[in-house]
N, C-alpha and C. Protein backbone atom coordinates (compact mmCIF):
# COMPACT_ATOMS: atom_id res chain seq x y z
N UNK A 1 -12.56 -9.59 28.38
CA UNK A 1 -12.04 -9.35 27.01
C UNK A 1 -11.27 -7.99 27.23
N UNK A 2 -11.74 -6.92 27.93
CA UNK A 2 -11.07 -5.77 28.05
C UNK A 2 -9.81 -5.80 28.94
N UNK A 3 -10.01 -6.61 29.92
CA UNK A 3 -8.68 -7.07 30.66
C UNK A 3 -7.67 -7.57 29.88
N UNK A 4 -7.97 -8.45 28.97
CA UNK A 4 -7.18 -9.21 28.15
C UNK A 4 -6.35 -8.13 27.17
N UNK A 5 -7.06 -7.28 26.63
CA UNK A 5 -6.50 -6.24 25.63
C UNK A 5 -5.49 -5.49 26.53
N UNK A 6 -5.99 -4.99 27.78
CA UNK A 6 -5.11 -4.19 28.62
C UNK A 6 -3.75 -4.95 28.92
N UNK A 7 -3.96 -6.29 29.30
CA UNK A 7 -2.69 -7.20 29.62
C UNK A 7 -1.86 -7.15 28.46
N UNK A 8 -2.40 -7.33 27.17
CA UNK A 8 -1.49 -7.49 25.84
C UNK A 8 -0.81 -5.99 25.63
N UNK A 9 -1.47 -4.93 25.85
CA UNK A 9 -0.88 -3.66 25.80
C UNK A 9 0.26 -3.60 26.77
N UNK A 10 0.13 -3.94 27.96
CA UNK A 10 1.14 -3.89 28.93
C UNK A 10 2.31 -4.70 28.46
N UNK A 11 2.05 -5.87 28.11
CA UNK A 11 3.10 -6.72 27.61
C UNK A 11 3.84 -6.27 26.44
N UNK A 12 3.29 -5.67 25.53
CA UNK A 12 3.79 -5.04 24.35
C UNK A 12 4.66 -3.76 24.81
N UNK A 13 4.23 -3.08 25.75
CA UNK A 13 4.82 -1.87 26.31
C UNK A 13 6.22 -2.36 27.00
N UNK A 14 6.08 -3.38 27.66
CA UNK A 14 7.33 -4.03 28.37
C UNK A 14 8.47 -4.38 27.25
N UNK A 15 7.85 -5.00 26.25
CA UNK A 15 8.78 -5.46 25.16
C UNK A 15 9.32 -4.33 24.35
N UNK A 16 8.54 -3.37 24.18
CA UNK A 16 9.05 -2.12 23.52
C UNK A 16 10.05 -1.44 24.24
N UNK A 17 10.07 -1.60 25.48
CA UNK A 17 11.10 -0.78 26.39
C UNK A 17 12.43 -1.69 26.43
N UNK A 18 12.44 -2.83 25.85
CA UNK A 18 13.73 -3.66 25.66
C UNK A 18 13.86 -4.60 26.52
N UNK A 19 12.90 -4.82 27.48
CA UNK A 19 13.01 -6.10 28.36
C UNK A 19 12.02 -7.09 27.94
N UNK A 20 12.60 -8.21 27.32
CA UNK A 20 11.62 -9.27 27.01
C UNK A 20 11.08 -10.13 27.89
N UNK A 21 11.38 -9.60 29.17
CA UNK A 21 10.66 -10.52 30.48
C UNK A 21 11.63 -11.57 30.88
N UNK A 22 12.48 -12.06 30.05
CA UNK A 22 13.52 -13.01 30.49
C UNK A 22 14.88 -12.38 30.57
N UNK A 23 15.00 -11.08 30.71
CA UNK A 23 16.25 -10.44 30.66
C UNK A 23 16.93 -10.25 29.20
N UNK A 24 16.16 -10.52 28.32
CA UNK A 24 16.57 -10.29 26.90
C UNK A 24 16.03 -9.05 26.33
N UNK A 25 16.76 -8.50 25.45
CA UNK A 25 16.22 -7.29 24.84
C UNK A 25 15.73 -7.55 23.31
N UNK A 26 14.83 -6.62 22.97
CA UNK A 26 14.22 -6.72 21.53
C UNK A 26 15.33 -6.28 20.70
N UNK A 27 15.68 -7.04 19.48
CA UNK A 27 16.61 -6.74 18.57
C UNK A 27 16.18 -5.39 17.96
N UNK A 28 17.30 -4.63 17.67
CA UNK A 28 17.08 -3.43 16.84
C UNK A 28 17.89 -3.40 15.59
N UNK A 29 17.48 -3.97 14.38
CA UNK A 29 18.22 -4.16 13.30
C UNK A 29 18.50 -2.80 12.70
N UNK A 30 19.75 -2.89 11.95
CA UNK A 30 20.45 -1.66 11.31
C UNK A 30 19.53 -1.40 10.15
N UNK A 31 19.29 -0.11 9.92
CA UNK A 31 18.35 0.44 8.82
C UNK A 31 19.07 0.67 7.53
N UNK A 32 19.90 -0.28 7.19
CA UNK A 32 20.87 -0.07 6.01
C UNK A 32 20.69 -1.07 5.04
N UNK A 33 20.25 -1.04 3.80
CA UNK A 33 20.05 -2.02 2.77
C UNK A 33 21.42 -2.54 2.54
N UNK A 34 21.50 -3.90 2.22
CA UNK A 34 22.65 -4.53 1.75
C UNK A 34 23.26 -3.89 0.41
N UNK A 35 24.54 -3.68 0.27
CA UNK A 35 25.03 -2.97 -0.92
C UNK A 35 24.46 -3.32 -2.25
N UNK A 36 24.47 -4.73 -2.38
CA UNK A 36 24.00 -5.33 -3.73
C UNK A 36 22.64 -4.79 -4.07
N UNK A 37 21.62 -4.82 -3.02
CA UNK A 37 20.39 -4.47 -3.02
C UNK A 37 20.12 -3.08 -3.32
N UNK A 38 20.92 -2.20 -2.67
CA UNK A 38 20.88 -0.80 -2.85
C UNK A 38 21.31 -0.37 -4.20
N UNK A 39 22.26 -1.01 -4.74
CA UNK A 39 22.74 -0.64 -6.22
C UNK A 39 21.65 -1.11 -7.07
N UNK A 40 20.96 -2.15 -7.03
CA UNK A 40 19.82 -2.70 -7.87
C UNK A 40 18.70 -1.69 -7.76
N UNK A 41 18.42 -1.49 -6.56
CA UNK A 41 17.20 -0.59 -6.47
C UNK A 41 17.63 1.00 -6.96
N UNK A 42 18.82 1.30 -6.82
CA UNK A 42 19.10 2.62 -7.38
C UNK A 42 19.01 2.64 -9.02
N UNK A 43 19.58 1.45 -9.47
CA UNK A 43 19.54 1.29 -10.90
C UNK A 43 18.03 1.30 -11.53
N UNK A 44 17.21 0.61 -10.85
CA UNK A 44 15.83 0.46 -11.13
C UNK A 44 15.10 1.91 -11.04
N UNK A 45 15.27 2.65 -10.02
CA UNK A 45 14.79 4.01 -9.71
C UNK A 45 15.21 4.83 -10.81
N UNK A 46 16.59 4.72 -11.18
CA UNK A 46 17.05 5.72 -12.29
C UNK A 46 16.47 5.38 -13.65
N UNK A 47 16.23 4.06 -13.94
CA UNK A 47 15.55 3.83 -15.15
C UNK A 47 14.23 4.28 -15.06
N UNK A 48 13.35 4.21 -13.86
CA UNK A 48 12.07 4.71 -13.97
C UNK A 48 11.99 6.10 -14.15
N UNK A 49 12.90 6.82 -13.32
CA UNK A 49 12.99 8.26 -13.35
C UNK A 49 13.19 8.84 -14.90
N UNK A 50 14.20 8.03 -15.53
CA UNK A 50 14.25 8.48 -16.91
C UNK A 50 13.24 8.29 -17.75
N UNK A 51 12.57 7.08 -17.58
CA UNK A 51 11.43 6.74 -18.41
C UNK A 51 10.31 7.77 -18.34
N UNK A 52 10.05 8.07 -16.95
CA UNK A 52 9.09 9.13 -16.57
C UNK A 52 9.35 10.57 -17.21
N UNK A 53 10.62 10.93 -17.25
CA UNK A 53 10.92 12.27 -17.85
C UNK A 53 10.68 12.03 -19.50
N UNK A 54 11.30 10.99 -19.94
CA UNK A 54 10.93 10.68 -21.56
C UNK A 54 9.54 10.79 -21.82
N UNK A 55 8.57 10.02 -20.85
CA UNK A 55 7.16 10.02 -21.29
C UNK A 55 6.51 11.44 -21.16
N UNK A 56 7.02 12.22 -20.11
CA UNK A 56 6.58 13.57 -20.08
C UNK A 56 6.92 14.51 -21.19
N UNK A 57 8.13 14.44 -21.67
CA UNK A 57 8.60 15.06 -22.89
C UNK A 57 7.64 14.57 -24.05
N UNK A 58 7.56 13.38 -24.20
CA UNK A 58 6.79 12.94 -25.34
C UNK A 58 5.25 13.18 -25.11
N UNK A 59 4.71 13.26 -24.14
CA UNK A 59 3.38 13.69 -23.91
C UNK A 59 3.25 15.19 -24.15
N UNK A 60 4.11 16.03 -23.85
CA UNK A 60 4.12 17.52 -24.20
C UNK A 60 4.21 17.60 -25.75
N UNK A 61 4.96 16.90 -26.45
CA UNK A 61 5.08 17.02 -27.83
C UNK A 61 4.03 16.51 -28.52
N UNK A 62 3.40 15.28 -28.08
CA UNK A 62 2.16 14.78 -28.77
C UNK A 62 1.04 15.82 -28.53
N UNK A 63 0.84 16.26 -27.26
CA UNK A 63 -0.32 17.27 -26.99
C UNK A 63 -0.07 18.49 -27.85
N UNK A 64 1.10 18.96 -28.04
CA UNK A 64 1.27 20.15 -28.79
C UNK A 64 1.06 19.91 -30.36
N UNK A 65 1.42 18.63 -30.76
CA UNK A 65 1.06 18.33 -32.19
C UNK A 65 -0.36 18.30 -32.44
N UNK A 66 -1.07 17.72 -31.50
CA UNK A 66 -2.55 17.60 -31.60
C UNK A 66 -3.28 18.91 -31.48
N UNK A 67 -2.69 19.77 -30.71
CA UNK A 67 -3.22 21.18 -30.62
C UNK A 67 -3.10 21.80 -32.05
N UNK A 68 -1.91 21.76 -32.63
CA UNK A 68 -1.55 22.33 -33.79
C UNK A 68 -2.43 21.68 -34.88
N UNK A 69 -2.62 20.47 -35.08
CA UNK A 69 -3.46 19.94 -36.04
C UNK A 69 -4.98 20.40 -35.93
N UNK A 70 -5.43 20.36 -34.61
CA UNK A 70 -6.84 20.81 -34.27
C UNK A 70 -7.06 22.27 -34.80
N UNK A 71 -6.10 23.22 -34.44
CA UNK A 71 -6.20 24.50 -34.85
C UNK A 71 -6.17 24.68 -36.35
N UNK A 72 -5.40 23.97 -36.96
CA UNK A 72 -5.33 24.04 -38.49
C UNK A 72 -6.64 23.61 -39.13
N UNK A 73 -7.36 22.61 -38.47
CA UNK A 73 -8.55 22.19 -39.02
C UNK A 73 -9.77 23.09 -38.47
N UNK A 74 -9.50 23.94 -37.59
CA UNK A 74 -10.62 24.76 -37.22
C UNK A 74 -11.61 24.06 -36.05
N UNK A 75 -11.12 22.91 -35.57
CA UNK A 75 -11.91 22.25 -34.52
C UNK A 75 -11.78 22.84 -33.08
N UNK A 76 -12.65 22.59 -32.27
CA UNK A 76 -12.44 22.97 -30.92
C UNK A 76 -11.48 22.22 -30.20
N UNK A 77 -10.96 22.87 -29.30
CA UNK A 77 -9.78 22.29 -28.70
C UNK A 77 -10.01 21.92 -27.10
N UNK A 78 -9.76 20.79 -26.75
CA UNK A 78 -9.96 20.47 -25.30
C UNK A 78 -8.43 19.97 -24.81
N UNK A 79 -7.48 20.25 -25.63
CA UNK A 79 -6.16 19.82 -25.39
C UNK A 79 -5.44 20.55 -24.25
N UNK A 80 -6.16 21.69 -23.83
CA UNK A 80 -5.41 22.38 -22.77
C UNK A 80 -5.63 21.63 -21.40
N UNK A 81 -6.71 20.97 -21.40
CA UNK A 81 -6.65 20.07 -20.14
C UNK A 81 -5.87 18.91 -20.09
N UNK A 82 -5.53 18.42 -21.27
CA UNK A 82 -4.67 17.29 -21.53
C UNK A 82 -3.16 17.84 -21.33
N UNK A 83 -2.78 18.96 -21.77
CA UNK A 83 -1.64 19.65 -21.47
C UNK A 83 -1.46 19.81 -19.98
N UNK A 84 -2.38 20.22 -19.35
CA UNK A 84 -2.36 20.48 -17.79
C UNK A 84 -1.90 19.17 -17.26
N UNK A 85 -2.64 17.99 -17.54
CA UNK A 85 -2.30 16.75 -16.91
C UNK A 85 -1.07 16.32 -17.16
N UNK A 86 -0.50 16.46 -18.36
CA UNK A 86 0.73 16.00 -18.76
C UNK A 86 1.81 16.83 -18.11
N UNK A 87 1.63 18.11 -17.85
CA UNK A 87 2.54 19.02 -17.14
C UNK A 87 2.41 18.66 -15.58
N UNK A 88 1.47 18.28 -15.09
CA UNK A 88 1.18 17.81 -13.69
C UNK A 88 1.88 16.57 -13.46
N UNK A 89 1.76 15.66 -14.35
CA UNK A 89 2.52 14.42 -14.38
C UNK A 89 4.14 14.64 -14.31
N UNK A 90 4.55 15.60 -15.19
CA UNK A 90 5.99 16.05 -15.26
C UNK A 90 6.37 16.59 -14.05
N UNK A 91 5.61 17.46 -13.38
CA UNK A 91 5.98 17.98 -12.06
C UNK A 91 6.06 16.93 -11.06
N UNK A 92 5.14 15.98 -11.08
CA UNK A 92 5.14 14.89 -9.95
C UNK A 92 6.31 13.98 -10.22
N UNK A 93 6.83 13.60 -11.55
CA UNK A 93 8.06 12.87 -11.70
C UNK A 93 9.30 13.69 -11.27
N UNK A 94 9.24 14.96 -11.42
CA UNK A 94 10.55 15.84 -11.32
C UNK A 94 10.58 15.95 -9.75
N UNK A 95 9.45 15.88 -8.94
CA UNK A 95 9.61 16.26 -7.58
C UNK A 95 9.50 15.10 -6.58
N UNK A 96 9.27 13.88 -7.29
CA UNK A 96 8.91 12.65 -6.42
C UNK A 96 10.26 12.40 -5.43
N UNK A 97 11.38 12.39 -6.06
CA UNK A 97 12.54 12.19 -5.32
C UNK A 97 12.75 13.21 -4.00
N UNK A 98 12.74 14.50 -4.32
CA UNK A 98 13.00 15.40 -3.35
C UNK A 98 11.82 15.45 -2.04
N UNK A 99 10.65 15.08 -2.68
CA UNK A 99 9.42 14.98 -1.66
C UNK A 99 9.67 13.86 -0.70
N UNK A 100 10.17 12.61 -1.38
CA UNK A 100 10.30 11.54 -0.39
C UNK A 100 11.57 11.72 0.46
N UNK A 101 12.50 12.38 -0.10
CA UNK A 101 13.83 12.64 0.71
C UNK A 101 13.40 13.64 1.76
N UNK A 102 12.47 14.58 1.66
CA UNK A 102 12.07 15.43 2.76
C UNK A 102 11.25 14.65 3.84
N UNK A 103 10.38 13.90 3.39
CA UNK A 103 9.31 13.19 4.20
C UNK A 103 10.26 12.08 5.12
N UNK A 104 11.20 11.49 4.52
CA UNK A 104 11.81 10.39 5.08
C UNK A 104 13.30 10.67 5.35
N UNK A 105 13.50 11.98 6.04
CA UNK A 105 14.85 12.43 6.30
C UNK A 105 15.60 11.59 7.16
N UNK A 106 16.70 11.14 6.57
CA UNK A 106 17.51 10.41 7.74
C UNK A 106 18.01 11.43 8.87
N UNK A 107 17.52 11.21 10.00
CA UNK A 107 17.88 11.98 11.07
C UNK A 107 18.32 11.36 12.30
N UNK A 108 18.59 12.12 13.21
CA UNK A 108 19.09 11.54 14.67
C UNK A 108 17.95 10.86 15.12
N UNK A 109 18.36 9.60 15.89
CA UNK A 109 17.42 8.80 16.46
C UNK A 109 17.26 9.35 18.00
């Protein structure tokens, strides 16, 4: 069993080096999305980003209104934790694009 795993690893290493054993090379497809797909994905991501920003603004406004009503009634407030979660979500939505761009930088191969 161990010998079989070692042989499989060796075969994989040969394939990864580009020699398929029969004088053929492993295909290396281009990492570029088709233009129509890229346009559709950009549109969807734009809509999701806009919706996330709108939800964040609505969340801050709703939390602020709930805090004001609670203070007027003289009730205890747990809204600061809610406000912290809403603001954390806003930061996550705002930084999602730059974080992904940083992690998956198109670099030299």
